[in-house]
């Protein structure tokens, strides 16, 4: 929990203990026979109980850094440096930069930090020429300040300030598709679409695509299914000592019924290589969603998904403070363990907690996404995602890119399992991968212990939204 001016709890105060079978876990209030306790109230730190890192620490580090950079003019020819130190001139540090094109670094170097008095500011010339940059690509400039001597808290060369400046802003566009519909056929007896190198089943009861295979290699077990739930964070629930009617988790369960929504297929139409499905998705008498889904299959094996989602119901539902998320969820086969993305990273991040993460190219594995919160909750989220791929060691898998910046995550645990688990030993690891392709997700706010829910810009409203993405199978490394 971060107080208004200071860190309330630096570290979680859970206790390492074991189940009767010997499985280690971090215990909290009520795990030791106490009658009176604060349940998860001892888990409000920004470090885990064993002093290992939590992503919150990265955000705090950014917010606390003692200098910042910003563009000085509209032409972006000069940069403004604000020195937030009280006693140290900024020239005591070394400056470095990275120029990124579409997330990939194309140039790096150093620059001389101008003398900048404590609590003062200065300007300096942008260290790279921006006039010749290809404006059809997305460009950003990363700026850093590094120590020039060794300190008790860090070695020489330690980066103490990082900032990312946007050079140009691009709209999002989907990859062009070759609509050779005559090369895609539908077998109504097998409920199967077939192309030159792929086949995928259509479940006519659910309207979902299943068992997608490219050159006899499995790409997904279940294709995208609309999803409005996230396993609640402790901020969503509050201290969890007792349910609170003012907390997000209580509203999401009672008013929204998001944890147990029923998907009713109203109609399903097939026209050559296009599938159109209409759903009513609801989990509460208070309201739900009308969801229109169009899936277009191309001879390349690519599938274009378009979602048109409109909330309906009573005022209590439509005026809910925030939904958990709006998006879709796939089930991928075992083996697509390598996750790469162009978006914010490498740490998990949310709409209101991503200043400490920079836009770029990142790679990880599904297992490396896991965060062992003592009380299991949502983890591994990535925002601002331009594209994301899931591959096996041979480069087979899939890539997703949207007409908007996406939010995504991948894990070996189902949402239901994470939602119902109370300790890490309650988690049941699956071979399959739960892969989220979301339009938007609620921020996390600061409501674990008397703080505030996400601010207005980071809430997800129950209204009418549309978005599209292309799921492209991958069959080899390039």
Protein backbone atom coordinates (compact mmCIF):
# COMPACT_ATOMS: atom_id res chain seq x y z
CA UNK A 1 0.00 0.00 0.00
CA UNK A 2 1.40 3.36 -1.01
CA UNK A 3 0.31 6.22 1.24
CA UNK A 4 -0.22 9.76 0.06
CA UNK A 5 3.39 10.81 0.72
CA UNK A 6 5.24 7.66 1.66
CA UNK A 7 5.39 3.87 1.49
CA UNK A 8 3.04 2.49 4.13
CA UNK A 9 4.43 -1.06 4.07
CA UNK A 10 7.77 -1.66 2.39
CA UNK A 11 7.57 -5.45 2.55
CA UNK A 12 4.82 -8.06 2.93
CA UNK A 13 4.77 -9.54 6.42
CA UNK A 14 3.74 -13.08 5.55
CA UNK A 15 5.41 -16.07 7.20
CA UNK A 16 7.02 -19.01 5.40
CA UNK A 17 5.25 -22.18 6.51
CA UNK A 18 4.31 -25.60 5.09
CA UNK A 19 1.23 -27.67 4.49
CA UNK A 20 0.92 -31.01 6.33
CA UNK A 21 2.31 -32.59 3.15
CA UNK A 22 5.38 -30.36 3.30
CA UNK A 23 4.50 -27.89 0.51
CA UNK A 24 5.96 -24.44 1.34
CA UNK A 25 3.77 -21.35 1.15
CA UNK A 26 3.54 -17.87 2.62
CA UNK A 27 1.01 -17.78 5.45
CA UNK A 28 -1.02 -14.75 6.47
CA UNK A 29 -3.74 -13.89 8.98
CA UNK A 30 -5.77 -16.92 10.09
CA UNK A 31 -3.22 -19.52 8.96
CA UNK A 32 -1.84 -20.05 12.45
CA UNK A 33 -4.96 -20.64 14.52
CA UNK A 34 -5.56 -16.98 15.41
CA UNK A 35 -9.10 -16.00 16.29
CA UNK A 36 -8.60 -12.29 15.66
CA UNK A 37 -6.51 -11.30 12.65
CA UNK A 38 -6.35 -9.01 9.62
CA UNK A 39 -6.40 -11.84 7.03
CA UNK A 40 -4.42 -10.43 4.04
CA UNK A 41 -3.80 -7.08 5.73
CA UNK A 42 -0.18 -8.10 6.33
CA UNK A 43 0.42 -8.35 2.57
CA UNK A 44 0.39 -4.65 1.71
CA UNK A 45 4.07 -4.25 0.88
CA UNK A 46 5.72 -3.47 -2.45
CA UNK A 47 8.18 -6.32 -1.87
CA UNK A 48 7.24 -9.94 -1.24
CA UNK A 49 7.86 -11.41 2.19
CA UNK A 50 11.19 -12.96 1.07
CA UNK A 51 12.30 -9.51 -0.22
CA UNK A 52 11.98 -10.60 -3.84
CA UNK A 53 10.85 -8.05 -6.38
CA UNK A 54 7.29 -7.12 -7.16
CA UNK A 55 6.38 -5.05 -10.19
CA UNK A 56 5.06 -2.32 -7.92
CA UNK A 57 8.68 -1.57 -6.98
CA UNK A 58 9.50 -0.72 -10.61
CA UNK A 59 6.70 1.83 -10.69
CA UNK A 60 7.77 3.33 -7.37
CA UNK A 61 11.34 3.61 -8.68
CA UNK A 62 10.11 5.60 -11.66
CA UNK A 63 7.92 7.89 -9.54
CA UNK A 64 10.77 8.54 -7.10
CA UNK A 65 13.56 9.15 -9.63
CA UNK A 66 15.31 12.46 -9.10
CA UNK A 67 15.15 13.87 -12.63
CA UNK A 68 12.86 13.85 -15.64
CA UNK A 69 13.04 14.59 -19.37
CA UNK A 70 10.43 16.14 -21.67
CA UNK A 71 10.31 17.79 -25.09
CA UNK A 72 11.10 21.49 -24.91
CA UNK A 73 9.51 22.49 -28.24
CA UNK A 74 7.01 21.19 -30.78
CA UNK A 75 9.79 20.47 -33.28
CA UNK A 76 11.43 18.21 -30.66
CA UNK A 77 14.81 19.75 -31.43
CA UNK A 78 15.56 20.33 -27.75
CA UNK A 79 14.93 18.42 -24.54
CA UNK A 80 14.16 19.83 -21.10
CA UNK A 81 15.87 18.30 -18.07
CA UNK A 82 14.30 18.84 -14.64
CA UNK A 83 16.73 18.14 -11.79
CA UNK A 84 14.68 17.07 -8.77
CA UNK A 85 17.73 16.56 -6.54
CA UNK A 86 18.11 18.94 -3.62
CA UNK A 87 21.91 18.97 -3.41
CA UNK A 88 23.44 17.43 -6.56
CA UNK A 89 24.00 19.12 -9.92
CA UNK A 90 22.74 16.92 -12.78
CA UNK A 91 26.13 17.17 -14.53
CA UNK A 92 27.42 14.66 -11.98
CA UNK A 93 25.67 11.97 -14.03
CA UNK A 94 26.27 10.50 -17.47
CA UNK A 95 23.53 10.64 -20.12
CA UNK A 96 22.76 7.88 -22.60
CA UNK A 97 20.03 7.29 -25.18
CA UNK A 98 18.38 4.62 -27.32
CA UNK A 99 16.48 5.32 -30.54
CA UNK A 100 13.77 2.72 -31.23
CA UNK A 101 11.95 2.07 -34.50
CA UNK A 102 8.77 -0.01 -34.17
CA UNK A 103 10.10 -1.24 -30.84
CA UNK A 104 13.56 -2.28 -32.06
CA UNK A 105 16.68 -0.31 -31.14
CA UNK A 106 18.40 1.18 -34.19
CA UNK A 107 20.87 3.53 -32.50
CA UNK A 108 22.36 4.15 -29.07
CA UNK A 109 24.89 6.55 -27.66
CA UNK A 110 25.79 8.98 -24.91
CA UNK A 111 25.24 12.70 -24.43
CA UNK A 112 26.75 15.30 -22.15
CA UNK A 113 24.42 16.25 -19.31
CA UNK A 114 24.30 20.05 -19.00
CA UNK A 115 24.98 21.67 -15.67
CA UNK A 116 21.61 21.82 -13.96
CA UNK A 117 21.33 23.19 -10.44
CA UNK A 118 19.43 21.25 -7.77
CA UNK A 119 15.68 21.88 -8.19
CA UNK A 120 16.46 23.64 -11.47
CA UNK A 121 16.06 22.87 -15.16
CA UNK A 122 18.06 23.17 -18.34
CA UNK A 123 17.66 22.37 -22.03
CA UNK A 124 19.94 20.60 -24.48
CA UNK A 125 19.93 19.61 -28.12
CA UNK A 126 18.24 16.31 -28.98
CA UNK A 127 21.14 13.84 -29.35
CA UNK A 128 19.83 12.33 -32.62
CA UNK A 129 18.56 13.95 -35.80
CA UNK A 130 14.82 13.40 -36.16
CA UNK A 131 14.26 15.04 -39.53
CA UNK A 132 15.13 12.01 -41.67
CA UNK A 133 13.11 9.39 -39.77
CA UNK A 134 10.61 7.33 -41.76
CA UNK A 135 7.24 8.59 -40.58
CA UNK A 136 5.51 5.34 -41.57
CA UNK A 137 7.20 3.71 -38.56
CA UNK A 138 6.76 4.35 -34.86
CA UNK A 139 9.74 6.07 -33.20
CA UNK A 140 10.55 6.67 -29.53
CA UNK A 141 13.62 7.99 -27.74
CA UNK A 142 14.74 6.45 -24.44
CA UNK A 143 16.83 8.70 -22.20
CA UNK A 144 18.82 7.63 -19.14
CA UNK A 145 20.97 9.12 -16.40
CA UNK A 146 23.69 6.89 -14.97
CA UNK A 147 26.06 7.23 -12.02
CA UNK A 148 29.70 8.11 -12.76
CA UNK A 149 31.05 6.75 -9.49
CA UNK A 150 30.36 3.94 -7.07
CA UNK A 151 27.96 4.48 -4.19
CA UNK A 152 27.08 2.26 -1.21
CA UNK A 153 23.74 1.59 -2.91
CA UNK A 154 24.94 1.06 -6.48
CA UNK A 155 27.84 0.44 -8.80
CA UNK A 156 29.26 2.94 -11.27
CA UNK A 157 27.02 3.04 -14.34
CA UNK A 158 23.81 2.35 -12.41
CA UNK A 159 20.81 3.80 -14.23
CA UNK A 160 18.94 6.06 -11.85
CA UNK A 161 16.63 7.84 -14.31
CA UNK A 162 14.79 6.49 -17.34
CA UNK A 163 12.32 8.29 -19.56
CA UNK A 164 10.71 7.48 -22.89
CA UNK A 165 9.77 10.31 -25.23
CA UNK A 166 7.36 9.74 -28.11
CA UNK A 167 8.73 11.08 -31.40
CA UNK A 168 5.70 10.41 -33.57
CA UNK A 169 2.26 8.90 -33.07
CA UNK A 170 0.80 6.32 -35.43
CA UNK A 171 -2.67 4.94 -35.81
CA UNK A 172 -3.14 1.20 -35.76
CA UNK A 173 -3.92 -0.79 -38.87
CA UNK A 174 -4.44 -4.49 -39.39
CA UNK A 175 -2.15 -6.44 -41.72
CA UNK A 176 -3.49 -6.59 -45.27
CA UNK A 177 -5.12 -9.91 -46.12
CA UNK A 178 -5.28 -11.71 -49.44
CA UNK A 179 -8.96 -12.61 -49.55
CA UNK A 180 -8.74 -15.66 -51.79
CA UNK A 181 -12.01 -17.04 -50.46
CA UNK A 182 -12.15 -19.69 -53.19
CA UNK A 183 -9.19 -21.37 -51.46
CA UNK A 184 -11.07 -21.68 -48.16
CA UNK A 185 -13.84 -24.28 -48.03
CA UNK A 186 -16.36 -25.30 -45.39
CA UNK A 187 -17.27 -28.94 -44.87
CA UNK A 188 -20.71 -28.92 -43.25
CA UNK A 189 -20.60 -32.63 -42.43
CA UNK A 190 -17.42 -32.22 -40.37
CA UNK A 191 -18.11 -28.57 -39.39
CA UNK A 192 -14.60 -27.81 -40.53
CA UNK A 193 -12.95 -25.00 -42.52
CA UNK A 194 -10.03 -26.00 -44.71
CA UNK A 195 -7.40 -24.00 -46.55
CA UNK A 196 -4.24 -24.82 -48.49
CA UNK A 197 -2.29 -25.62 -45.31
CA UNK A 198 -4.75 -25.40 -42.41
CA UNK A 199 -7.99 -26.73 -41.00
CA UNK A 200 -10.09 -25.60 -38.06
CA UNK A 201 -13.30 -26.91 -36.57
CA UNK A 202 -16.38 -24.80 -35.93
CA UNK A 203 -18.37 -25.70 -32.84
CA UNK A 204 -21.90 -24.96 -34.03
CA UNK A 205 -23.27 -25.04 -30.47
CA UNK A 206 -20.93 -22.32 -29.19
CA UNK A 207 -19.93 -20.56 -32.42
CA UNK A 208 -16.26 -20.93 -31.42
CA UNK A 209 -13.36 -22.13 -33.52
CA UNK A 210 -11.53 -25.14 -32.10
CA UNK A 211 -8.60 -27.44 -32.83
CA UNK A 212 -6.83 -25.15 -35.32
CA UNK A 213 -4.02 -26.98 -37.14
CA UNK A 214 -1.47 -25.55 -39.54
CA UNK A 215 0.43 -28.21 -41.48
CA UNK A 216 -0.76 -30.74 -38.88
CA UNK A 217 0.63 -28.69 -35.99
CA UNK A 218 -1.82 -27.51 -33.34
CA UNK A 219 -2.09 -23.70 -33.10
CA UNK A 220 -4.96 -23.38 -30.61
CA UNK A 221 -7.33 -25.70 -28.78
CA UNK A 222 -10.06 -23.09 -28.41
CA UNK A 223 -10.14 -19.84 -30.29
CA UNK A 224 -11.02 -16.44 -28.84
CA UNK A 225 -14.10 -16.32 -26.60
CA UNK A 226 -15.36 -13.01 -25.28
CA UNK A 227 -14.42 -12.46 -21.63
CA UNK A 228 -15.20 -9.76 -19.04
CA UNK A 229 -13.58 -11.27 -15.91
CA UNK A 230 -10.17 -11.00 -14.35
CA UNK A 231 -9.10 -12.83 -11.18
CA UNK A 232 -9.54 -10.02 -8.62
CA UNK A 233 -6.47 -8.31 -7.22
CA UNK A 234 -6.28 -7.61 -3.50
CA UNK A 235 -6.90 -3.96 -4.42
CA UNK A 236 -10.16 -5.01 -6.09
CA UNK A 237 -11.23 -6.80 -2.91
CA UNK A 238 -9.81 -4.54 -0.21
CA UNK A 239 -8.30 -6.20 2.84
CA UNK A 240 -10.49 -9.31 2.29
CA UNK A 241 -11.29 -9.46 6.04
CA UNK A 242 -14.94 -9.34 5.05
CA UNK A 243 -16.76 -8.53 1.80
CA UNK A 244 -17.24 -4.82 1.24
CA UNK A 245 -20.13 -3.52 -0.85
CA UNK A 246 -17.96 -0.63 -2.01
CA UNK A 247 -15.12 -2.74 -3.37
CA UNK A 248 -14.81 -3.77 -6.99
CA UNK A 249 -14.84 -7.52 -6.42
CA UNK A 250 -18.18 -7.38 -4.60
CA UNK A 251 -19.74 -5.23 -7.33
CA UNK A 252 -18.30 -7.42 -10.08
CA UNK A 253 -19.82 -10.53 -8.52
CA UNK A 254 -23.20 -9.20 -7.40
CA UNK A 255 -24.14 -6.43 -9.85
CA UNK A 256 -22.23 -7.75 -12.85
CA UNK A 257 -22.00 -11.48 -12.31
CA UNK A 258 -18.80 -11.31 -14.34
CA UNK A 259 -17.28 -14.32 -12.57
CA UNK A 260 -19.92 -16.69 -13.98
CA UNK A 261 -21.31 -15.30 -17.21
CA UNK A 262 -23.46 -17.41 -19.52
CA UNK A 263 -22.80 -17.20 -23.27
CA UNK A 264 -26.04 -17.77 -25.21
CA UNK A 265 -25.62 -18.18 -28.96
CA UNK A 266 -28.57 -16.42 -30.61
CA UNK A 267 -27.62 -16.94 -34.25
CA UNK A 268 -24.82 -18.40 -36.37
CA UNK A 269 -24.40 -17.71 -40.10
CA UNK A 270 -21.74 -19.03 -42.46
CA UNK A 271 -21.07 -17.31 -45.79
CA UNK A 272 -18.12 -18.81 -47.71
CA UNK A 273 -15.08 -17.93 -45.55
CA UNK A 274 -16.96 -15.74 -43.06
CA UNK A 275 -18.69 -16.65 -39.79
CA UNK A 276 -21.13 -14.28 -38.09
CA UNK A 277 -22.31 -15.06 -34.58
CA UNK A 278 -24.62 -13.16 -32.23
CA UNK A 279 -24.49 -13.76 -28.46
CA UNK A 280 -26.15 -12.62 -25.30
CA UNK A 281 -23.57 -12.70 -22.51
CA UNK A 282 -24.82 -12.14 -18.97
CA UNK A 283 -24.31 -13.29 -15.41
CA UNK A 284 -26.74 -11.10 -13.52
CA UNK A 285 -30.40 -9.97 -13.80
CA UNK A 286 -29.03 -6.43 -13.69
CA UNK A 287 -27.62 -6.56 -17.22
CA UNK A 288 -25.29 -8.07 -19.79
CA UNK A 289 -23.90 -7.64 -23.28
CA UNK A 290 -25.02 -8.08 -26.86
CA UNK A 291 -21.95 -9.40 -28.68
CA UNK A 292 -21.65 -9.61 -32.47
CA UNK A 293 -18.62 -11.54 -33.70
CA UNK A 294 -17.39 -11.77 -37.28
CA UNK A 295 -14.59 -14.20 -38.15
CA UNK A 296 -13.05 -14.13 -41.59
CA UNK A 297 -10.71 -16.94 -42.63
CA UNK A 298 -8.08 -16.36 -45.31
CA UNK A 299 -6.18 -18.77 -47.52
CA UNK A 300 -2.96 -17.85 -45.69
CA UNK A 301 -4.44 -19.32 -42.52
CA UNK A 302 -4.91 -15.89 -40.96
CA UNK A 303 -8.19 -15.21 -39.17
CA UNK A 304 -9.65 -11.73 -38.73
CA UNK A 305 -11.81 -11.37 -35.61
CA UNK A 306 -14.11 -8.37 -35.23
CA UNK A 307 -16.10 -7.76 -32.03
CA UNK A 308 -18.99 -5.36 -31.58
CA UNK A 309 -19.98 -5.28 -27.90
CA UNK A 310 -22.89 -3.33 -26.46
CA UNK A 311 -23.94 -3.29 -22.80
CA UNK A 312 -27.63 -3.46 -21.89
CA UNK A 313 -29.62 -3.66 -18.69
CA UNK A 314 -30.64 -1.66 -15.66
CA UNK A 315 -29.13 1.62 -14.58
CA UNK A 316 -27.32 -0.09 -11.70
CA UNK A 317 -25.41 -2.24 -14.21
CA UNK A 318 -24.82 0.44 -16.84
CA UNK A 319 -23.59 2.94 -14.24
CA UNK A 320 -21.25 0.51 -12.50
CA UNK A 321 -18.01 2.23 -11.53
CA UNK A 322 -15.89 -0.06 -13.70
CA UNK A 323 -15.97 -3.45 -15.41
CA UNK A 324 -13.05 -5.84 -14.81
CA UNK A 325 -12.14 -5.94 -18.52
CA UNK A 326 -13.39 -6.26 -22.08
CA UNK A 327 -11.62 -8.83 -24.18
CA UNK A 328 -11.27 -12.42 -25.30
CA UNK A 329 -9.58 -15.57 -24.06
CA UNK A 330 -8.01 -18.49 -25.97
CA UNK A 331 -6.73 -21.86 -24.86
CA UNK A 332 -3.37 -22.73 -26.43
CA UNK A 333 -1.71 -26.15 -26.53
CA UNK A 334 1.25 -27.20 -24.42
CA UNK A 335 4.54 -26.12 -25.97
CA UNK A 336 3.77 -22.54 -27.07
CA UNK A 337 5.82 -21.37 -24.10
CA UNK A 338 7.81 -18.54 -25.71
CA UNK A 339 6.03 -15.21 -25.50
CA UNK A 340 7.29 -12.16 -27.41
CA UNK A 341 5.57 -8.80 -27.70
CA UNK A 342 5.91 -5.21 -28.83
CA UNK A 343 4.37 -3.19 -26.04
CA UNK A 344 5.09 -2.10 -22.49
CA UNK A 345 7.40 -4.34 -20.51
CA UNK A 346 9.24 -6.33 -19.48
CA UNK A 347 7.38 -6.22 -16.16
CA UNK A 348 3.66 -6.68 -15.83
CA UNK A 349 1.76 -3.40 -16.08
CA UNK A 350 -1.73 -1.94 -16.01
CA UNK A 351 -3.28 1.21 -17.44
CA UNK A 352 -2.62 3.17 -14.23
CA UNK A 353 0.69 1.47 -13.38
CA UNK A 354 2.89 1.46 -16.44
CA UNK A 355 5.06 4.60 -16.26
CA UNK A 356 7.93 2.44 -15.04
CA UNK A 357 7.74 0.19 -18.13
CA UNK A 358 8.96 1.27 -21.54
CA UNK A 359 7.52 0.54 -24.96
CA UNK A 360 9.74 -1.96 -26.79
CA UNK A 361 10.37 -5.55 -27.88
CA UNK A 362 10.41 -8.13 -25.09
CA UNK A 363 10.62 -11.90 -24.79
CA UNK A 364 9.81 -14.23 -21.93
CA UNK A 365 8.22 -17.60 -21.20
CA UNK A 366 4.80 -18.40 -19.82
CA UNK A 367 6.37 -19.70 -16.60
CA UNK A 368 8.44 -16.53 -16.23
CA UNK A 369 5.23 -14.49 -16.28
CA UNK A 370 4.12 -16.06 -12.99
CA UNK A 371 4.08 -13.90 -9.85
CA UNK A 372 3.72 -15.94 -6.65
CA UNK A 373 1.40 -13.65 -4.74
CA UNK A 374 0.64 -15.32 -1.35
CA UNK A 375 -3.05 -14.73 -2.12
CA UNK A 376 -3.34 -15.65 -5.83
CA UNK A 377 -4.67 -12.91 -8.10
CA UNK A 378 -4.35 -11.50 -11.62
CA UNK A 379 -0.76 -11.27 -12.86
CA UNK A 380 1.41 -10.93 -15.96
CA UNK A 381 -0.68 -8.27 -17.70
CA UNK A 382 0.88 -6.24 -20.55
CA UNK A 383 -0.57 -3.03 -21.99
CA UNK A 384 0.04 -1.03 -25.16
CA UNK A 385 0.65 -4.23 -27.12
CA UNK A 386 1.09 -3.71 -30.87
CA UNK A 387 1.65 -7.43 -31.49
CA UNK A 388 2.24 -10.54 -29.41
CA UNK A 389 3.40 -14.00 -30.45
CA UNK A 390 3.29 -17.39 -28.73
CA UNK A 391 5.74 -19.94 -30.14
CA UNK A 392 7.39 -23.26 -29.43
CA UNK A 393 11.14 -23.85 -29.70
CA UNK A 394 10.85 -24.42 -33.46
CA UNK A 395 9.04 -21.14 -34.12
CA UNK A 396 5.60 -22.68 -34.63
CA UNK A 397 2.68 -20.90 -33.01
CA UNK A 398 0.67 -17.75 -33.59
CA UNK A 399 0.92 -13.97 -33.71
CA UNK A 400 -1.82 -11.46 -32.84
CA UNK A 401 -2.01 -7.79 -33.88
CA UNK A 402 -4.93 -5.41 -33.45
CA UNK A 403 -6.47 -2.27 -34.87
CA UNK A 404 -5.90 -0.78 -31.40
CA UNK A 405 -3.25 -1.26 -28.74
CA UNK A 406 -4.11 -4.52 -27.01
CA UNK A 407 -3.76 -5.80 -23.46
CA UNK A 408 -2.54 -9.37 -23.09
CA UNK A 409 -1.32 -12.07 -20.70
CA UNK A 410 -0.48 -15.78 -20.80
CA UNK A 411 -0.41 -18.28 -17.93
CA UNK A 412 -0.68 -21.95 -16.98
CA UNK A 413 -3.60 -21.39 -14.59
CA UNK A 414 -7.25 -20.88 -15.39
CA UNK A 415 -9.10 -17.75 -14.30
CA UNK A 416 -11.45 -19.87 -12.19
CA UNK A 417 -8.55 -21.54 -10.39
CA UNK A 418 -6.81 -18.24 -9.62
CA UNK A 419 -10.11 -16.66 -8.53
CA UNK A 420 -10.98 -19.43 -6.08
CA UNK A 421 -7.45 -20.08 -4.74
CA UNK A 422 -6.60 -18.71 -1.32
CA UNK A 423 -2.96 -19.81 -1.19
CA UNK A 424 -0.35 -20.75 -3.77
CA UNK A 425 -0.81 -24.43 -2.92
CA UNK A 426 -4.41 -24.14 -4.20
CA UNK A 427 -3.17 -23.42 -7.72
CA UNK A 428 -3.34 -26.31 -10.19
CA UNK A 429 -0.89 -25.85 -13.03
CA UNK A 430 -2.23 -26.87 -16.43
CA UNK A 431 -0.27 -27.98 -19.47
CA UNK A 432 -2.47 -25.78 -21.64
CA UNK A 433 -2.02 -22.00 -21.75
CA UNK A 434 -4.72 -19.45 -20.95
CA UNK A 435 -4.04 -16.61 -23.40
CA UNK A 436 -5.87 -13.29 -23.04
CA UNK A 437 -6.33 -10.89 -25.96
CA UNK A 438 -8.07 -7.88 -24.42
CA UNK A 439 -9.24 -4.50 -25.58
CA UNK A 440 -8.96 -2.91 -22.14
CA UNK A 441 -8.65 -3.84 -18.49
CA UNK A 442 -9.44 -1.85 -15.36
CA UNK A 443 -6.57 -0.16 -13.59
CA UNK A 444 -5.53 -1.48 -10.19
CA UNK A 445 -5.92 1.68 -8.11
CA UNK A 446 -4.84 1.88 -4.49
CA UNK A 447 -7.76 0.41 -2.59
CA UNK A 448 -6.18 -2.45 -0.65
CA UNK A 449 -6.46 -0.67 2.70
CA UNK A 450 -8.47 2.53 2.73
CA UNK A 451 -7.06 3.98 -0.49
CA UNK A 452 -8.79 4.83 -3.74
CA UNK A 453 -10.11 2.79 -6.67
CA UNK A 454 -8.65 3.52 -10.12
CA UNK A 455 -9.10 7.10 -11.23
CA UNK A 456 -11.70 7.88 -13.90
CA UNK A 457 -9.43 7.55 -16.98
CA UNK A 458 -8.49 4.00 -15.94
CA UNK A 459 -11.99 2.62 -15.46
CA UNK A 460 -13.81 0.41 -17.97
CA UNK A 461 -17.35 1.60 -18.66
CA UNK A 462 -20.33 -0.52 -19.71
CA UNK A 463 -21.00 1.02 -23.11
CA UNK A 464 -20.67 0.24 -26.83
CA UNK A 465 -17.19 -0.72 -28.08
CA UNK A 466 -15.70 -2.39 -31.16
CA UNK A 467 -12.28 -3.77 -31.93
CA UNK A 468 -10.55 -6.18 -34.28
CA UNK A 469 -7.43 -8.28 -34.39
CA UNK A 470 -5.76 -10.73 -36.74
CA UNK A 471 -4.59 -14.10 -35.48
CA UNK A 472 -1.83 -15.33 -37.80
CA UNK A 473 -0.38 -18.84 -37.51
CA UNK A 474 3.41 -19.18 -37.56
CA UNK A 475 5.11 -22.23 -38.98
CA UNK A 476 8.84 -21.47 -38.76
CA UNK A 477 11.41 -19.00 -37.51
CA UNK A 478 12.18 -16.19 -39.93
